[in-house]
């Protein structure tokens, strides 16, 4: 597929919400190990706000901008702040109603760059960045001009990144206080963001 239309992107978001909602309890249980235990609820609420906002969009820039602001205004907490930053960053890098593989890569790279401005967490700290950073880097390095292949490559990297957090010790936020006790569990944020990228690939390919 040479282009990603706004309708396809909306379908990707809706698929992500469905899969994240189905795994809500799993994400909260992972979060309970070294956090508040509410990540499942938080990511579902944030994605629901994003999907609702996306339905008002007619072109990428304004739609992504609206999604970013809406999720931060409607849902409190770090989860919505980082998702909001991701989509607001994307909005700065796109135009129109259909995007090529190259434009999709630029859009996601801009989203990651804006998230990096909002958090000091980096890859290896056992956070959602361990799924997001590998996903976007893999998408950027994918040589294919097929948008579906770009998303598949990003999804595979996100899932591997999330799985790698099982062996990591938390180095960021309150979770770092658990030290070695944080080892042996997948990070809830990495798990949910990898689910989002896997959903994007699945929805685009169908």
Protein backbone atom coordinates (compact mmCIF):
# COMPACT_ATOMS: atom_id res chain seq x y z
CA UNK A 1 0.00 0.00 0.00
CA UNK A 2 1.52 3.28 -1.12
CA UNK A 3 -0.58 5.67 0.99
CA UNK A 4 -2.26 5.81 4.40
CA UNK A 5 -5.58 7.61 4.23
CA UNK A 6 -7.20 9.43 7.11
CA UNK A 7 -9.94 6.77 7.15
CA UNK A 8 -7.33 4.01 7.53
CA UNK A 9 -5.61 5.88 10.34
CA UNK A 10 -8.93 6.27 12.12
CA UNK A 11 -9.50 2.51 11.77
CA UNK A 12 -6.03 1.90 13.23
CA UNK A 13 -6.87 3.99 16.27
CA UNK A 14 -10.19 2.21 16.76
CA UNK A 15 -8.47 -1.19 16.53
CA UNK A 16 -5.89 -0.07 19.08
CA UNK A 17 -8.64 1.00 21.48
CA UNK A 18 -10.39 -2.37 21.11
CA UNK A 19 -7.24 -4.38 21.79
CA UNK A 20 -6.11 -2.14 24.66
CA UNK A 21 -9.58 -2.35 26.23
CA UNK A 22 -9.42 -6.15 25.97
CA UNK A 23 -6.11 -6.13 27.87
CA UNK A 24 -7.06 -3.45 30.42
CA UNK A 25 -6.82 -5.78 33.43
CA UNK A 26 -3.48 -7.15 32.25
CA UNK A 27 -1.98 -3.66 32.01
CA UNK A 28 -3.28 -2.69 35.45
CA UNK A 29 -1.90 -5.87 37.03
CA UNK A 30 1.52 -5.16 35.53
CA UNK A 31 1.31 -1.59 36.81
CA UNK A 32 0.37 -2.80 40.30
CA UNK A 33 3.78 -4.48 40.64
CA UNK A 34 5.68 -1.18 40.76
CA UNK A 35 2.98 1.49 40.39
CA UNK A 36 -0.56 2.55 41.21
CA UNK A 37 -2.23 -0.31 39.38
CA UNK A 38 -4.36 2.01 37.28
CA UNK A 39 -2.52 2.02 33.94
CA UNK A 40 -5.12 -0.14 32.23
CA UNK A 41 -7.90 2.25 33.13
CA UNK A 42 -5.76 5.26 32.23
CA UNK A 43 -4.71 4.03 28.78
CA UNK A 44 -8.27 2.94 27.91
CA UNK A 45 -9.66 6.35 28.92
CA UNK A 46 -6.95 8.14 26.95
CA UNK A 47 -7.41 6.05 23.80
CA UNK A 48 -11.19 6.45 24.01
CA UNK A 49 -10.77 10.23 24.03
CA UNK A 50 -8.35 10.01 21.10
CA UNK A 51 -10.70 7.85 19.03
CA UNK A 52 -13.67 10.13 19.74
CA UNK A 53 -11.65 13.17 18.72
CA UNK A 54 -10.36 11.48 15.55
CA UNK A 55 -13.90 11.07 14.27
CA UNK A 56 -14.15 14.85 13.85
CA UNK A 57 -11.08 15.07 11.62
CA UNK A 58 -11.12 15.70 7.89
CA UNK A 59 -7.35 16.08 7.34
CA UNK A 60 -4.30 14.93 9.28
CA UNK A 61 -2.86 18.13 10.72
CA UNK A 62 -6.02 19.45 12.37
CA UNK A 63 -7.18 15.97 13.39
CA UNK A 64 -3.92 15.08 15.13
CA UNK A 65 -3.78 18.49 16.77
CA UNK A 66 -7.33 18.06 18.09
CA UNK A 67 -6.59 14.54 19.31
CA UNK A 68 -3.53 15.70 21.21
CA UNK A 69 -5.27 18.57 22.96
CA UNK A 70 -8.51 16.66 23.61
CA UNK A 71 -6.84 13.75 25.38
CA UNK A 72 -4.86 16.06 27.66
CA UNK A 73 -7.89 18.19 28.48
CA UNK A 74 -10.27 15.28 29.07
CA UNK A 75 -8.05 12.75 30.83
CA UNK A 76 -5.62 13.61 33.62
CA UNK A 77 -2.33 11.89 34.31
CA UNK A 78 1.00 11.11 32.66
CA UNK A 79 -0.48 8.57 30.25
CA UNK A 80 -2.69 11.15 28.53
CA UNK A 81 0.08 13.77 28.66
CA UNK A 82 2.49 11.53 26.78
CA UNK A 83 -0.11 10.32 24.28
CA UNK A 84 -1.14 13.92 23.75
CA UNK A 85 2.45 14.94 23.14
CA UNK A 86 2.83 12.08 20.67
CA UNK A 87 -0.09 13.17 18.51
CA UNK A 88 0.64 16.89 18.84
CA UNK A 89 4.18 16.21 17.63
CA UNK A 90 2.78 14.28 14.69
CA UNK A 91 0.50 17.19 13.76
CA UNK A 92 3.51 19.46 13.23
CA UNK A 93 4.90 17.20 10.52
CA UNK A 94 1.98 16.39 8.22
CA UNK A 95 -0.40 17.88 5.68
CA UNK A 96 -3.31 16.51 3.67
CA UNK A 97 -5.55 13.45 3.79
CA UNK A 98 -3.19 10.68 2.59
CA UNK A 99 0.43 9.98 3.52
CA UNK A 100 3.19 8.06 1.78
CA UNK A 101 5.51 5.69 3.65
CA UNK A 102 8.12 8.45 3.85
CA UNK A 103 5.57 10.89 5.26
CA UNK A 104 4.36 8.31 7.79
CA UNK A 105 7.94 7.86 9.00
CA UNK A 106 8.37 11.61 9.39
CA UNK A 107 5.05 11.86 11.25
CA UNK A 108 5.95 9.18 13.78
CA UNK A 109 9.48 10.54 14.25
CA UNK A 110 8.01 13.96 15.03
CA UNK A 111 5.66 12.34 17.54
CA UNK A 112 8.55 10.64 19.30
CA UNK A 113 10.59 13.86 19.32
CA UNK A 114 7.76 15.68 21.10
CA UNK A 115 7.37 12.89 23.66
CA UNK A 116 11.11 13.16 24.38
CA UNK A 117 10.55 16.83 25.26
CA UNK A 118 7.92 15.83 27.85
CA UNK A 119 9.79 13.05 29.67
CA UNK A 120 13.36 12.43 30.76
CA UNK A 121 12.78 8.68 30.47
CA UNK A 122 14.80 7.04 27.73
CA UNK A 123 15.12 3.59 26.22
CA UNK A 124 16.44 1.19 28.85
CA UNK A 125 14.71 2.86 31.81
CA UNK A 126 11.84 0.31 31.80
CA UNK A 127 9.07 2.62 30.61
CA UNK A 128 6.83 3.01 27.56
CA UNK A 129 9.88 4.46 25.80
CA UNK A 130 11.23 0.91 25.51
CA UNK A 131 8.40 0.17 23.06
CA UNK A 132 8.03 3.59 21.44
CA UNK A 133 11.67 4.33 20.63
CA UNK A 134 12.45 0.96 18.96
CA UNK A 135 9.17 1.12 17.03
CA UNK A 136 9.83 4.55 15.54
CA UNK A 137 13.52 3.80 14.88
CA UNK A 138 12.56 0.59 13.08
CA UNK A 139 9.97 2.41 11.00
CA UNK A 140 12.51 5.05 10.02
CA UNK A 141 15.07 2.44 9.00
CA UNK A 142 12.57 0.36 7.02
CA UNK A 143 13.54 0.66 3.35
CA UNK A 144 10.11 -0.30 2.02
CA UNK A 145 7.79 2.22 0.38
CA UNK A 146 4.85 -0.01 1.42
CA UNK A 147 3.12 1.65 4.39
CA UNK A 148 1.87 -1.72 5.66
CA UNK A 149 5.44 -3.04 5.76
CA UNK A 150 6.58 0.07 7.66
CA UNK A 151 3.92 -0.48 10.33
CA UNK A 152 4.67 -4.21 10.53
CA UNK A 153 8.36 -3.44 11.10
CA UNK A 154 7.51 -0.90 13.80
CA UNK A 155 5.09 -3.27 15.52
CA UNK A 156 7.63 -6.08 15.69
CA UNK A 157 10.21 -3.75 17.23
CA UNK A 158 7.70 -2.39 19.76
CA UNK A 159 6.72 -5.89 20.92
CA UNK A 160 10.37 -6.96 21.25
CA UNK A 161 11.11 -3.75 23.13
CA UNK A 162 8.28 -4.36 25.58
CA UNK A 163 9.37 -7.96 26.11
CA UNK A 164 12.90 -6.77 26.87
CA UNK A 165 11.62 -4.74 29.85
CA UNK A 166 10.98 -8.00 31.75
CA UNK A 167 14.69 -8.30 32.44
CA UNK A 168 15.22 -4.61 33.19
CA UNK A 169 15.42 -2.79 36.50
CA UNK A 170 13.29 0.34 36.65
CA UNK A 171 15.37 3.51 36.47
CA UNK A 172 12.68 6.16 36.22
CA UNK A 173 9.97 7.64 38.39
CA UNK A 174 8.67 6.06 41.55
CA UNK A 175 9.23 2.57 40.12
CA UNK A 176 13.00 2.99 40.51
CA UNK A 177 12.52 2.81 44.28
CA UNK A 178 11.71 -0.89 43.88
CA UNK A 179 15.22 -1.62 42.65
CA UNK A 180 15.79 -5.29 41.86
CA UNK A 181 12.18 -6.09 42.76
CA UNK A 182 11.14 -4.43 39.50
CA UNK A 183 12.98 -7.12 37.50
CA UNK A 184 10.91 -10.02 36.13
CA UNK A 185 7.84 -8.04 35.06
CA UNK A 186 7.04 -6.31 31.80
CA UNK A 187 6.55 -2.57 32.13
CA UNK A 188 2.87 -1.74 31.82
CA UNK A 189 3.45 1.31 29.63
CA UNK A 190 5.73 -0.57 27.26
CA UNK A 191 3.12 -3.33 27.10
CA UNK A 192 0.26 -0.97 26.23
CA UNK A 193 2.26 1.05 23.68
CA UNK A 194 3.46 -2.16 22.00
CA UNK A 195 -0.19 -3.24 21.85
CA UNK A 196 -1.00 0.04 20.14
CA UNK A 197 1.69 -0.41 17.48
CA UNK A 198 0.71 -4.05 16.92
CA UNK A 199 -2.89 -2.91 16.47
CA UNK A 200 -1.83 -0.27 13.94
CA UNK A 201 -0.06 -2.92 11.85
CA UNK A 202 -2.96 -5.35 12.09
CA UNK A 203 -5.60 -2.77 11.15
CA UNK A 204 -3.64 -1.32 8.26
CA UNK A 205 -2.95 -4.74 6.78
CA UNK A 206 -6.62 -5.80 6.87
